Amino acid sequence: MSAMLGVAVQAISAALLLIAGAQKLAAPSRFEETLRALGLPLVRSLVVAVPLVELLTASLILVRLSPQIAAALTVILGGSFGGAGLVALLQRKTVQCACFGPIGKGTLGIRQVAAVPLWLTAAAATLYLPGVSGATGVTVLVVLALSAGIVAAAYLLIKLRSSSSVEEAYSG
């Protein structure tokens, strides 16, 4: 039972991170707007670094090369996102959420703060519950990465059809 639970939690966590990272990289302008609205420094670096850390974390969760690093990155990401929600709440700002790049809609706030325990649970599952084996994890990672790519490509194709230019489509 715990093996099935571990695999499920880890696969769901990795899938969400892959989709979020891929979407942010595919259309970074919305994520950049969110970071600027929060008043964060080094926005240009964060626009690239955060999605890459999401993709790295998903990979580490599934491949299980270092569950400790995967869990630590999961906590860092979850804490960062929860912190962003808290900043938006405390500043009483309406900040558009770019959690899943252009496919996600909503505002930063209580949802990100309330999700912190879920991030901690995902990190604990990565550390303490059995997961997929290394070879199976690589296979799952490839399937999830391809799926995330297909979702990103489908979204951008839809945007291209309804946009007057490629730049408008990529602006999210």
C-alpha atoms as a PDB file:
ATOM      1  CA  MET A   1       0.000   0.000   0.000  1.00  0.00           C
ATOM      2  CA  SER A   2       2.725   2.490   0.928  1.00  0.00           C
ATOM      3  CA  ALA A   3       4.562   1.695  -2.331  1.00  0.00           C
ATOM      4  CA  MET A   4       1.468   2.570  -4.384  1.00  0.00           C
ATOM      5  CA  LEU A   5       0.928   5.739  -2.367  1.00  0.00           C
ATOM      6  CA  GLY A   6       4.574   6.727  -2.786  1.00  0.00           C
ATOM      7  CA  VAL A   7       4.499   6.171  -6.529  1.00  0.00           C
ATOM      8  CA  ALA A   8       1.228   8.104  -6.864  1.00  0.00           C
ATOM      9  CA  VAL A   9       2.353  11.112  -4.821  1.00  0.00           C
ATOM     10  CA  GLN A  10       5.725  11.237  -6.537  1.00  0.00           C
ATOM     11  CA  ALA A  11       4.253  10.860 -10.042  1.00  0.00           C
ATOM     12  CA  ILE A  12       1.645  13.572  -9.419  1.00  0.00           C
ATOM     13  CA  SER A  13       4.242  15.914  -7.903  1.00  0.00           C
ATOM     14  CA  ALA A  14       6.624  15.358 -10.799  1.00  0.00           C
ATOM     15  CA  ALA A  15       3.872  15.789 -13.405  1.00  0.00           C
ATOM     16  CA  LEU A  16       2.750  19.105 -11.909  1.00  0.00           C
ATOM     17  CA  LEU A  17       6.336  20.355 -11.712  1.00  0.00           C
ATOM     18  CA  LEU A  18       7.050  19.297 -15.309  1.00  0.00           C
ATOM     19  CA  ILE A  19       3.943  21.019 -16.639  1.00  0.00           C
ATOM     20  CA  ALA A  20       4.596  24.168 -14.592  1.00  0.00           C
ATOM     21  CA  GLY A  21       8.243  24.358 -15.629  1.00  0.00           C
ATOM     22  CA  ALA A  22       7.558  23.658 -19.290  1.00  0.00           C
ATOM     23  CA  GLN A  23       4.763  26.237 -19.455  1.00  0.00           C
ATOM     24  CA  LYS A  24       6.876  28.928 -17.804  1.00  0.00           C
ATOM     25  CA  LEU A  25       9.725  28.283 -20.241  1.00  0.00           C
ATOM     26  CA  ALA A  26       7.405  28.161 -23.257  1.00  0.00           C
ATOM     27  CA  ALA A  27       5.822  31.549 -22.506  1.00  0.00           C
ATOM     28  CA  PRO A  28       7.872  33.354 -19.844  1.00  0.00           C
ATOM     29  CA  SER A  29       6.283  36.814 -20.082  1.00  0.00           C
ATOM     30  CA  ARG A  30       3.402  36.070 -17.699  1.00  0.00           C
ATOM     31  CA  PHE A  31       5.765  34.643 -15.089  1.00  0.00           C
ATOM     32  CA  GLU A  32       7.993  37.694 -15.507  1.00  0.00           C
ATOM     33  CA  GLU A  33       4.995  39.989 -14.907  1.00  0.00           C
ATOM     34  CA  THR A  34       4.165  38.086 -11.715  1.00  0.00           C
ATOM     35  CA  LEU A  35       7.715  38.388 -10.405  1.00  0.00           C
ATOM     36  CA  ARG A  36       7.807  42.103 -11.204  1.00  0.00           C
ATOM     37  CA  ALA A  37       4.435  42.672  -9.510  1.00  0.00           C
ATOM     38  CA  LEU A  38       5.842  41.058  -6.358  1.00  0.00           C
ATOM     39  CA  GLY A  39       8.796  43.454  -6.488  1.00  0.00           C
ATOM     40  CA  LEU A  40      11.393  40.695  -6.587  1.00  0.00           C
ATOM     41  CA  PRO A  41      14.992  41.395  -7.577  1.00  0.00           C
ATOM     42  CA  LEU A  42      16.823  39.497 -10.335  1.00  0.00           C
ATOM     43  CA  VAL A  43      13.629  38.925 -12.302  1.00  0.00           C
ATOM     44  CA  ARG A  44      15.400  37.958 -15.526  1.00  0.00           C
ATOM     45  CA  SER A  45      17.391  35.277 -13.703  1.00  0.00           C
ATOM     46  CA  LEU A  46      14.353  33.974 -11.812  1.00  0.00           C
ATOM     47  CA  VAL A  47      12.310  33.687 -15.016  1.00  0.00           C
ATOM     48  CA  VAL A  48      14.775  31.049 -16.188  1.00  0.00           C
ATOM     49  CA  ALA A  49      15.952  29.593 -12.874  1.00  0.00           C
ATOM     50  CA  VAL A  50      12.575  28.757 -11.304  1.00  0.00           C
ATOM     51  CA  PRO A  51      11.252  26.648 -14.201  1.00  0.00           C
ATOM     52  CA  LEU A  52      14.612  24.901 -14.547  1.00  0.00           C
ATOM     53  CA  VAL A  53      14.549  24.054 -10.824  1.00  0.00           C
ATOM     54  CA  GLU A  54      10.985  22.761 -11.266  1.00  0.00           C
ATOM     55  CA  LEU A  55      12.119  20.506 -14.115  1.00  0.00           C
ATOM     56  CA  LEU A  56      15.203  19.364 -12.192  1.00  0.00           C
ATOM     57  CA  THR A  57      13.122  18.605  -9.104  1.00  0.00           C
ATOM     58  CA  ALA A  58      10.623  16.563 -11.135  1.00  0.00           C
ATOM     59  CA  SER A  59      13.490  14.618 -12.664  1.00  0.00           C
ATOM     60  CA  LEU A  60      15.099  13.928  -9.295  1.00  0.00           C
ATOM     61  CA  ILE A  61      11.781  12.816  -7.805  1.00  0.00           C
ATOM     62  CA  LEU A  62      11.248  10.250 -10.543  1.00  0.00           C
ATOM     63  CA  VAL A  63      14.782   9.032 -11.142  1.00  0.00           C
ATOM     64  CA  ARG A  64      15.491   8.870  -7.386  1.00  0.00           C
ATOM     65  CA  LEU A  65      19.195   9.606  -7.731  1.00  0.00           C
ATOM     66  CA  SER A  66      19.034  11.776  -4.629  1.00  0.00           C
ATOM     67  CA  PRO A  67      15.724  11.787  -2.768  1.00  0.00           C
ATOM     68  CA  GLN A  68      17.256  14.178  -0.211  1.00  0.00           C
ATOM     69  CA  ILE A  69      18.003  16.824  -2.838  1.00  0.00           C
ATOM     70  CA  ALA A  70      14.618  16.266  -4.488  1.00  0.00           C
ATOM     71  CA  ALA A  71      12.859  16.709  -1.137  1.00  0.00           C
ATOM     72  CA  ALA A  72      14.909  19.820  -0.296  1.00  0.00           C
ATOM     73  CA  LEU A  73      14.107  21.402  -3.674  1.00  0.00           C
ATOM     74  CA  THR A  74      10.430  20.532  -3.224  1.00  0.00           C
ATOM     75  CA  VAL A  75      10.406  22.311   0.148  1.00  0.00           C
ATOM     76  CA  ILE A  76      12.240  25.317  -1.331  1.00  0.00           C
ATOM     77  CA  LEU A  77       9.816  25.581  -4.259  1.00  0.00           C
ATOM     78  CA  GLY A  78       6.726  25.129  -2.085  1.00  0.00           C
ATOM     79  CA  GLY A  79       8.006  27.616   0.474  1.00  0.00           C
ATOM     80  CA  SER A  80       8.821  30.121  -2.254  1.00  0.00           C
ATOM     81  CA  PHE A  81       5.393  29.821  -3.829  1.00  0.00           C
ATOM     82  CA  GLY A  82       3.704  30.032  -0.430  1.00  0.00           C
ATOM     83  CA  GLY A  83       5.849  33.057   0.366  1.00  0.00           C
ATOM     84  CA  ALA A  84       4.808  34.711  -2.893  1.00  0.00           C
ATOM     85  CA  GLY A  85       1.171  34.178  -1.971  1.00  0.00           C
ATOM     86  CA  LEU A  86       1.792  35.618   1.488  1.00  0.00           C
ATOM     87  CA  VAL A  87       3.565  38.680   0.057  1.00  0.00           C
ATOM     88  CA  ALA A  88       0.627  39.336  -2.263  1.00  0.00           C
ATOM     89  CA  LEU A  89      -1.798  39.009   0.660  1.00  0.00           C
ATOM     90  CA  LEU A  90       0.218  41.250   2.981  1.00  0.00           C
ATOM     91  CA  GLN A  91       0.715  43.902   0.311  1.00  0.00           C
ATOM     92  CA  ARG A  92      -2.990  43.681  -0.523  1.00  0.00           C
ATOM     93  CA  LYS A  93      -2.029  43.409  -4.166  1.00  0.00           C
ATOM     94  CA  THR A  94      -3.832  41.583  -6.901  1.00  0.00           C
ATOM     95  CA  VAL A  95      -0.986  39.654  -8.498  1.00  0.00           C
ATOM     96  CA  GLN A  96      -1.770  37.348 -11.380  1.00  0.00           C
ATOM     97  CA  CYS A  97      -0.667  33.795 -10.715  1.00  0.00           C
ATOM     98  CA  ALA A  98       1.741  32.293 -13.225  1.00  0.00           C
ATOM     99  CA  CYS A  99       2.041  28.938 -11.473  1.00  0.00           C
ATOM    100  CA  PHE A 100       1.422  27.046 -14.688  1.00  0.00           C
ATOM    101  CA  GLY A 101       2.542  29.714 -17.096  1.00  0.00           C
ATOM    102  CA  PRO A 102      -0.097  30.901 -19.517  1.00  0.00           C
ATOM    103  CA  ILE A 103      -2.454  27.946 -18.925  1.00  0.00           C
ATOM    104  CA  GLY A 104      -3.028  28.829 -15.269  1.00  0.00           C
ATOM    105  CA  LYS A 105      -5.412  31.604 -14.314  1.00  0.00           C
ATOM    106  CA  GLY A 106      -6.005  33.186 -10.954  1.00  0.00           C
ATOM    107  CA  THR A 107      -4.357  35.411  -8.402  1.00  0.00           C
ATOM    108  CA  LEU A 108      -1.623  34.780  -5.878  1.00  0.00           C
ATOM    109  CA  GLY A 109      -2.773  34.524  -2.316  1.00  0.00           C
ATOM    110  CA  ILE A 110      -4.359  32.076   0.028  1.00  0.00           C
ATOM    111  CA  ARG A 111      -4.181  29.105  -2.379  1.00  0.00           C
ATOM    112  CA  GLN A 112      -0.391  29.249  -2.470  1.00  0.00           C
ATOM    113  CA  VAL A 113      -0.168  29.649   1.310  1.00  0.00           C
ATOM    114  CA  ALA A 114      -2.621  26.797   1.878  1.00  0.00           C
ATOM    115  CA  ALA A 115      -0.665  24.560  -0.509  1.00  0.00           C
ATOM    116  CA  VAL A 116       2.527  24.670   1.597  1.00  0.00           C
ATOM    117  CA  PRO A 117       1.490  21.575   3.633  1.00  0.00           C
ATOM    118  CA  LEU A 118       0.936  19.718   0.343  1.00  0.00           C
ATOM    119  CA  TRP A 119       4.456  20.621  -0.770  1.00  0.00           C
ATOM    120  CA  LEU A 120       5.803  19.388   2.562  1.00  0.00           C
ATOM    121  CA  THR A 121       3.830  16.161   2.165  1.00  0.00           C
ATOM    122  CA  ALA A 122       5.260  15.673  -1.331  1.00  0.00           C
ATOM    123  CA  ALA A 123       8.765  16.209   0.042  1.00  0.00           C
ATOM    124  CA  ALA A 124       8.158  13.721   2.852  1.00  0.00           C
ATOM    125  CA  ALA A 125       6.775  11.174   0.379  1.00  0.00           C
ATOM    126  CA  THR A 126       9.910  11.565  -1.715  1.00  0.00           C
ATOM    127  CA  LEU A 127      12.061  10.867   1.321  1.00  0.00           C
ATOM    128  CA  TYR A 128      10.124   8.232   3.225  1.00  0.00           C
ATOM    129  CA  LEU A 129       7.786   6.361   0.887  1.00  0.00           C
ATOM    130  CA  PRO A 130       9.007   3.849  -1.663  1.00  0.00           C
ATOM    131  CA  GLY A 131       8.777   5.158  -5.180  1.00  0.00           C
ATOM    132  CA  VAL A 132       9.436   4.027  -8.673  1.00  0.00           C
ATOM    133  CA  SER A 133      12.721   2.279  -9.374  1.00  0.00           C
ATOM    134  CA  GLY A 134      15.453   4.165 -11.226  1.00  0.00           C
ATOM    135  CA  ALA A 135      14.804   2.601 -14.652  1.00  0.00           C
ATOM    136  CA  THR A 136      11.026   2.914 -14.307  1.00  0.00           C
ATOM    137  CA  GLY A 137      11.489   6.467 -13.071  1.00  0.00           C
ATOM    138  CA  VAL A 138      13.411   7.380 -16.215  1.00  0.00           C
ATOM    139  CA  THR A 139      10.609   5.925 -18.342  1.00  0.00           C
ATOM    140  CA  VAL A 140       7.948   7.806 -16.368  1.00  0.00           C
ATOM    141  CA  LEU A 141      10.044  10.988 -16.609  1.00  0.00           C
ATOM    142  CA  VAL A 142      10.277  10.691 -20.393  1.00  0.00           C
ATOM    143  CA  VAL A 143       6.527  10.059 -20.705  1.00  0.00           C
ATOM    144  CA  LEU A 144       5.683  12.977 -18.409  1.00  0.00           C
ATOM    145  CA  ALA A 145       8.155  15.283 -20.169  1.00  0.00           C
ATOM    146  CA  LEU A 146       6.684  14.407 -23.554  1.00  0.00           C
ATOM    147  CA  SER A 147       3.187  14.932 -22.157  1.00  0.00           C
ATOM    148  CA  ALA A 148       4.167  18.335 -20.752  1.00  0.00           C
ATOM    149  CA  GLY A 149       5.664  19.234 -24.125  1.00  0.00           C
ATOM    150  CA  ILE A 150       2.498  18.195 -25.923  1.00  0.00           C
ATOM    151  CA  VAL A 151       0.351  20.263 -23.544  1.00  0.00           C
ATOM    152  CA  ALA A 152       2.640  23.282 -24.066  1.00  0.00           C
ATOM    153  CA  ALA A 153       2.651  22.830 -27.851  1.00  0.00           C
ATOM    154  CA  ALA A 154      -1.138  22.422 -28.008  1.00  0.00           C
ATOM    155  CA  TYR A 155      -1.654  25.550 -25.941  1.00  0.00           C
ATOM    156  CA  LEU A 156       0.713  27.579 -28.110  1.00  0.00           C
ATOM    157  CA  LEU A 157      -0.924  26.308 -31.313  1.00  0.00           C
ATOM    158  CA  ILE A 158      -4.310  27.391 -30.003  1.00  0.00           C
ATOM    159  CA  LYS A 159      -2.852  30.783 -29.082  1.00  0.00           C
ATOM    160  CA  LEU A 160      -1.199  31.120 -32.505  1.00  0.00           C
ATOM    161  CA  ARG A 161      -4.488  30.496 -34.273  1.00  0.00           C
ATOM    162  CA  SER A 162      -6.243  33.219 -32.288  1.00  0.00           C
ATOM    163  CA  SER A 163      -3.357  35.734 -32.281  1.00  0.00           C
ATOM    164  CA  SER A 164      -2.361  38.260 -34.860  1.00  0.00           C
ATOM    165  CA  SER A 165       1.344  37.525 -34.406  1.00  0.00           C
ATOM    166  CA  VAL A 166       3.757  35.020 -32.938  1.00  0.00           C
ATOM    167  CA  GLU A 167       4.872  37.618 -30.348  1.00  0.00           C
ATOM    168  CA  GLU A 168       1.299  38.050 -29.142  1.00  0.00           C
ATOM    169  CA  ALA A 169       0.873  34.284 -28.796  1.00  0.00           C
ATOM    170  CA  TYR A 170       4.050  33.946 -26.723  1.00  0.00           C
ATOM    171  CA  SER A 171       3.162  36.849 -24.475  1.00  0.00           C
ATOM    172  CA  GLY A 172       0.618  34.606 -22.708  1.00  0.00           C
END
